[in-house]
Amino acid sequence: MLACKSQSIDVTLTPEKVYKQEANILRNRGFNVKETVDLEPYDKAHAMIIAQQQQ
């Protein structure tokens, strides 16, 4: 599980674009992204990315 704080990564992009960007980085590093869970309304511009390392 990766905690993604979009405003800490890039304030010029929308949170959704940052989440996609970070999920793609995980894919490129050999992970299978299972789900991205937006944490709104509990945490603004935060998400959890659930991934599993490919065998």
PDB file of N, CA and C in Angstrom:
ATOM      1  N   MET A   1       0.848  -1.168   0.000  1.00  0.00           N
ATOM      2  CA  MET A   1       0.000   0.000   0.000  1.00  0.00           C
ATOM      3  C   MET A   1       0.896   1.233   0.000  1.00  0.00           C
ATOM      4  N   LEU A   2       0.587   2.152  -0.891  1.00  0.00           N
ATOM      5  CA  LEU A   2       1.322   3.399  -0.994  1.00  0.00           C
ATOM      6  C   LEU A   2       0.396   4.549  -0.643  1.00  0.00           C
ATOM      7  N   ALA A   3       0.773   5.338   0.345  1.00  0.00           N
ATOM      8  CA  ALA A   3       0.014   6.538   0.680  1.00  0.00           C
ATOM      9  C   ALA A   3       0.476   7.641  -0.261  1.00  0.00           C
ATOM     10  N   CYS A   4      -0.446   8.177  -1.027  1.00  0.00           N
ATOM     11  CA  CYS A   4      -0.127   9.189  -2.030  1.00  0.00           C
ATOM     12  C   CYS A   4      -0.719  10.527  -1.612  1.00  0.00           C
ATOM     13  N   LYS A   5       0.151  11.477  -1.288  1.00  0.00           N
ATOM     14  CA  LYS A   5      -0.261  12.827  -0.916  1.00  0.00           C
ATOM     15  C   LYS A   5       0.006  13.709  -2.133  1.00  0.00           C
ATOM     16  N   SER A   6      -0.999  13.912  -2.966  1.00  0.00           N
ATOM     17  CA  SER A   6      -0.795  14.529  -4.274  1.00  0.00           C
ATOM     18  C   SER A   6      -0.199  15.926  -4.209  1.00  0.00           C
ATOM     19  N   GLN A   7      -0.598  16.734  -3.248  1.00  0.00           N
ATOM     20  CA  GLN A   7      -0.086  18.097  -3.162  1.00  0.00           C
ATOM     21  C   GLN A   7       1.382  18.128  -2.753  1.00  0.00           C
ATOM     22  N   SER A   8       1.872  17.074  -2.139  1.00  0.00           N
ATOM     23  CA  SER A   8       3.291  16.985  -1.799  1.00  0.00           C
ATOM     24  C   SER A   8       4.125  16.561  -2.997  1.00  0.00           C
ATOM     25  N   ILE A   9       3.478  15.967  -3.993  1.00  0.00           N
ATOM     26  CA  ILE A   9       4.192  15.495  -5.183  1.00  0.00           C
ATOM     27  C   ILE A   9       4.204  16.568  -6.264  1.00  0.00           C
ATOM     28  N   ASP A  10       3.036  17.124  -6.590  1.00  0.00           N
ATOM     29  CA  ASP A  10       2.959  18.143  -7.637  1.00  0.00           C
ATOM     30  C   ASP A  10       1.690  18.976  -7.448  1.00  0.00           C
ATOM     31  N   VAL A  11       1.852  20.223  -7.051  1.00  0.00           N
ATOM     32  CA  VAL A  11       0.694  21.083  -6.807  1.00  0.00           C
ATOM     33  C   VAL A  11       0.075  21.619  -8.088  1.00  0.00           C
ATOM     34  N   THR A  12       0.775  21.469  -9.226  1.00  0.00           N
ATOM     35  CA  THR A  12       0.256  22.001 -10.485  1.00  0.00           C
ATOM     36  C   THR A  12      -0.704  21.042 -11.173  1.00  0.00           C
ATOM     37  N   LEU A  13      -0.718  19.780 -10.761  1.00  0.00           N
ATOM     38  CA  LEU A  13      -1.603  18.774 -11.357  1.00  0.00           C
ATOM     39  C   LEU A  13      -2.797  18.512 -10.451  1.00  0.00           C
ATOM     40  N   THR A  14      -3.869  18.000 -11.052  1.00  0.00           N
ATOM     41  CA  THR A  14      -5.008  17.586 -10.246  1.00  0.00           C
ATOM     42  C   THR A  14      -4.609  16.329  -9.459  1.00  0.00           C
ATOM     43  N   PRO A  15      -5.238  16.109  -8.304  1.00  0.00           N
ATOM     44  CA  PRO A  15      -4.913  14.905  -7.535  1.00  0.00           C
ATOM     45  C   PRO A  15      -5.072  13.619  -8.357  1.00  0.00           C
ATOM     46  N   GLU A  16      -6.111  13.544  -9.179  1.00  0.00           N
ATOM     47  CA  GLU A  16      -6.349  12.339  -9.967  1.00  0.00           C
ATOM     48  C   GLU A  16      -5.189  12.062 -10.931  1.00  0.00           C
ATOM     49  N   LYS A  17      -4.629  13.102 -11.522  1.00  0.00           N
ATOM     50  CA  LYS A  17      -3.490  12.925 -12.435  1.00  0.00           C
ATOM     51  C   LYS A  17      -2.252  12.457 -11.677  1.00  0.00           C
ATOM     52  N   VAL A  18      -2.064  12.970 -10.476  1.00  0.00           N
ATOM     53  CA  VAL A  18      -0.929  12.541  -9.662  1.00  0.00           C
ATOM     54  C   VAL A  18      -1.085  11.077  -9.276  1.00  0.00           C
ATOM     55  N   TYR A  19      -2.291  10.661  -8.910  1.00  0.00           N
ATOM     56  CA  TYR A  19      -2.527   9.262  -8.549  1.00  0.00           C
ATOM     57  C   TYR A  19      -2.208   8.347  -9.732  1.00  0.00           C
ATOM     58  N   LYS A  20      -2.650   8.728 -10.921  1.00  0.00           N
ATOM     59  CA  LYS A  20      -2.370   7.928 -12.125  1.00  0.00           C
ATOM     60  C   LYS A  20      -0.872   7.877 -12.406  1.00  0.00           C
ATOM     61  N   GLN A  21      -0.212   9.017 -12.243  1.00  0.00           N
ATOM     62  CA  GLN A  21       1.232   9.093 -12.469  1.00  0.00           C
ATOM     63  C   GLN A  21       1.974   8.163 -11.513  1.00  0.00           C
ATOM     64  N   GLU A  22       1.619   8.181 -10.255  1.00  0.00           N
ATOM     65  CA  GLU A  22       2.280   7.344  -9.258  1.00  0.00           C
ATOM     66  C   GLU A  22       1.971   5.862  -9.478  1.00  0.00           C
ATOM     67  N   ALA A  23       0.743   5.555  -9.888  1.00  0.00           N
ATOM     68  CA  ALA A  23       0.389   4.163 -10.201  1.00  0.00           C
ATOM     69  C   ALA A  23       1.215   3.669 -11.380  1.00  0.00           C
ATOM     70  N   ASN A  24       1.439   4.513 -12.374  1.00  0.00           N
ATOM     71  CA  ASN A  24       2.263   4.128 -13.524  1.00  0.00           C
ATOM     72  C   ASN A  24       3.710   3.890 -13.116  1.00  0.00           C
ATOM     73  N   ILE A  25       4.217   4.681 -12.188  1.00  0.00           N
ATOM     74  CA  ILE A  25       5.577   4.451 -11.690  1.00  0.00           C
ATOM     75  C   ILE A  25       5.670   3.078 -11.042  1.00  0.00           C
ATOM     76  N   LEU A  26       4.664   2.715 -10.239  1.00  0.00           N
ATOM     77  CA  LEU A  26       4.650   1.384  -9.624  1.00  0.00           C
ATOM     78  C   LEU A  26       4.611   0.290 -10.684  1.00  0.00           C
ATOM     79  N   ARG A  27       3.776   0.459 -11.708  1.00  0.00           N
ATOM     80  CA  ARG A  27       3.695  -0.540 -12.794  1.00  0.00           C
ATOM     81  C   ARG A  27       5.052  -0.697 -13.476  1.00  0.00           C
ATOM     82  N   ASN A  28       5.712   0.409 -13.744  1.00  0.00           N
ATOM     83  CA  ASN A  28       7.015   0.378 -14.408  1.00  0.00           C
ATOM     84  C   ASN A  28       8.084  -0.282 -13.554  1.00  0.00           C
ATOM     85  N   ARG A  29       7.858  -0.348 -12.252  1.00  0.00           N
ATOM     86  CA  ARG A  29       8.813  -0.977 -11.332  1.00  0.00           C
ATOM     87  C   ARG A  29       8.423  -2.406 -10.973  1.00  0.00           C
ATOM     88  N   GLY A  30       7.465  -2.958 -11.727  1.00  0.00           N
ATOM     89  CA  GLY A  30       7.131  -4.367 -11.564  1.00  0.00           C
ATOM     90  C   GLY A  30       5.992  -4.671 -10.614  1.00  0.00           C
ATOM     91  N   PHE A  31       5.139  -3.711 -10.345  1.00  0.00           N
ATOM     92  CA  PHE A  31       3.998  -3.938  -9.462  1.00  0.00           C
ATOM     93  C   PHE A  31       2.713  -4.014 -10.277  1.00  0.00           C
ATOM     94  N   ASN A  32       1.781  -4.807  -9.798  1.00  0.00           N
ATOM     95  CA  ASN A  32       0.456  -4.894 -10.371  1.00  0.00           C
ATOM     96  C   ASN A  32      -0.471  -4.047  -9.495  1.00  0.00           C
ATOM     97  N   VAL A  33      -0.929  -2.920 -10.028  1.00  0.00           N
ATOM     98  CA  VAL A  33      -1.779  -2.016  -9.258  1.00  0.00           C
ATOM     99  C   VAL A  33      -3.186  -2.591  -9.217  1.00  0.00           C
ATOM    100  N   LYS A  34      -3.650  -2.878  -8.015  1.00  0.00           N
ATOM    101  CA  LYS A  34      -4.962  -3.493  -7.819  1.00  0.00           C
ATOM    102  C   LYS A  34      -6.078  -2.460  -7.717  1.00  0.00           C
ATOM    103  N   GLU A  35      -5.798  -1.361  -6.995  1.00  0.00           N
ATOM    104  CA  GLU A  35      -6.863  -0.391  -6.724  1.00  0.00           C
ATOM    105  C   GLU A  35      -6.257   0.923  -6.245  1.00  0.00           C
ATOM    106  N   THR A  36      -6.932   2.010  -6.573  1.00  0.00           N
ATOM    107  CA  THR A  36      -6.600   3.322  -6.029  1.00  0.00           C
ATOM    108  C   THR A  36      -7.817   3.811  -5.260  1.00  0.00           C
ATOM    109  N   VAL A  37      -7.627   4.069  -3.978  1.00  0.00           N
ATOM    110  CA  VAL A  37      -8.724   4.478  -3.100  1.00  0.00           C
ATOM    111  C   VAL A  37      -8.543   5.945  -2.725  1.00  0.00           C
ATOM    112  N   ASP A  38      -9.415   6.793  -3.233  1.00  0.00           N
ATOM    113  CA  ASP A  38      -9.396   8.213  -2.899  1.00  0.00           C
ATOM    114  C   ASP A  38      -9.912   8.362  -1.466  1.00  0.00           C
ATOM    115  N   LEU A  39      -9.191   9.097  -0.640  1.00  0.00           N
ATOM    116  CA  LEU A  39      -9.553   9.221   0.774  1.00  0.00           C
ATOM    117  C   LEU A  39     -10.452  10.406   1.091  1.00  0.00           C
ATOM    118  N   GLU A  40     -10.954  11.101   0.069  1.00  0.00           N
ATOM    119  CA  GLU A  40     -11.946  12.166   0.282  1.00  0.00           C
ATOM    120  C   GLU A  40     -13.202  11.526   0.850  1.00  0.00           C
ATOM    121  N   PRO A  41     -13.908  12.075   1.721  1.00  0.00           N
ATOM    122  CA  PRO A  41     -13.808  13.383   2.352  1.00  0.00           C
ATOM    123  C   PRO A  41     -12.930  13.382   3.601  1.00  0.00           C
ATOM    124  N   TYR A  42     -12.301  12.260   3.914  1.00  0.00           N
ATOM    125  CA  TYR A  42     -11.520  12.165   5.150  1.00  0.00           C
ATOM    126  C   TYR A  42     -10.197  12.916   5.057  1.00  0.00           C
ATOM    127  N   ASP A  43      -9.532  12.812   3.908  1.00  0.00           N
ATOM    128  CA  ASP A  43      -8.280  13.530   3.654  1.00  0.00           C
ATOM    129  C   ASP A  43      -8.328  14.091   2.253  1.00  0.00           C
ATOM    130  N   LYS A  44      -8.252  15.403   2.153  1.00  0.00           N
ATOM    131  CA  LYS A  44      -8.298  16.059   0.850  1.00  0.00           C
ATOM    132  C   LYS A  44      -6.984  15.805   0.090  1.00  0.00           C
ATOM    133  N   ALA A  45      -7.115  15.423  -1.182  1.00  0.00           N
ATOM    134  CA  ALA A  45      -5.976  15.215  -2.084  1.00  0.00           C
ATOM    135  C   ALA A  45      -5.042  14.100  -1.609  1.00  0.00           C
ATOM    136  N   HIS A  46      -5.611  13.068  -0.979  1.00  0.00           N
ATOM    137  CA  HIS A  46      -4.850  11.902  -0.544  1.00  0.00           C
ATOM    138  C   HIS A  46      -5.519  10.639  -1.097  1.00  0.00           C
ATOM    139  N   ALA A  47      -4.687   9.638  -1.380  1.00  0.00           N
ATOM    140  CA  ALA A  47      -5.211   8.347  -1.831  1.00  0.00           C
ATOM    141  C   ALA A  47      -4.283   7.242  -1.361  1.00  0.00           C
ATOM    142  N   MET A  48      -4.826   6.044  -1.314  1.00  0.00           N
ATOM    143  CA  MET A  48      -4.032   4.847  -1.068  1.00  0.00           C
ATOM    144  C   MET A  48      -4.002   4.061  -2.371  1.00  0.00           C
ATOM    145  N   ILE A  49      -2.819   3.686  -2.798  1.00  0.00           N
ATOM    146  CA  ILE A  49      -2.674   2.867  -3.999  1.00  0.00           C
ATOM    147  C   ILE A  49      -2.279   1.479  -3.533  1.00  0.00           C
ATOM    148  N   ILE A  50      -3.114   0.485  -3.850  1.00  0.00           N
ATOM    149  CA  ILE A  50      -2.869  -0.882  -3.442  1.00  0.00           C
ATOM    150  C   ILE A  50      -2.243  -1.605  -4.619  1.00  0.00           C
ATOM    151  N   ALA A  51      -1.079  -2.181  -4.383  1.00  0.00           N
ATOM    152  CA  ALA A  51      -0.336  -2.856  -5.450  1.00  0.00           C
ATOM    153  C   ALA A  51       0.324  -4.109  -4.913  1.00  0.00           C
ATOM    154  N   GLN A  52       0.598  -5.020  -5.829  1.00  0.00           N
ATOM    155  CA  GLN A  52       1.282  -6.272  -5.462  1.00  0.00           C
ATOM    156  C   GLN A  52       2.440  -6.496  -6.413  1.00  0.00           C
ATOM    157  N   GLN A  53       3.567  -6.889  -5.865  1.00  0.00           N
ATOM    158  CA  GLN A  53       4.735  -7.123  -6.710  1.00  0.00           C
ATOM    159  C   GLN A  53       4.490  -8.342  -7.590  1.00  0.00           C
ATOM    160  N   GLN A  54       4.777  -8.190  -8.879  1.00  0.00           N
ATOM    161  CA  GLN A  54       4.582  -9.297  -9.813  1.00  0.00           C
ATOM    162  C   GLN A  54       5.652 -10.341  -9.611  1.00  0.00           C
ATOM    163  N   GLN A  55       5.277 -11.575  -9.787  1.00  0.00           N
ATOM    164  CA  GLN A  55       6.220 -12.688  -9.602  1.00  0.00           C
ATOM    165  C   GLN A  55       6.990 -12.973 -10.856  1.00  0.00           C
TER     166      GLN A  55
END
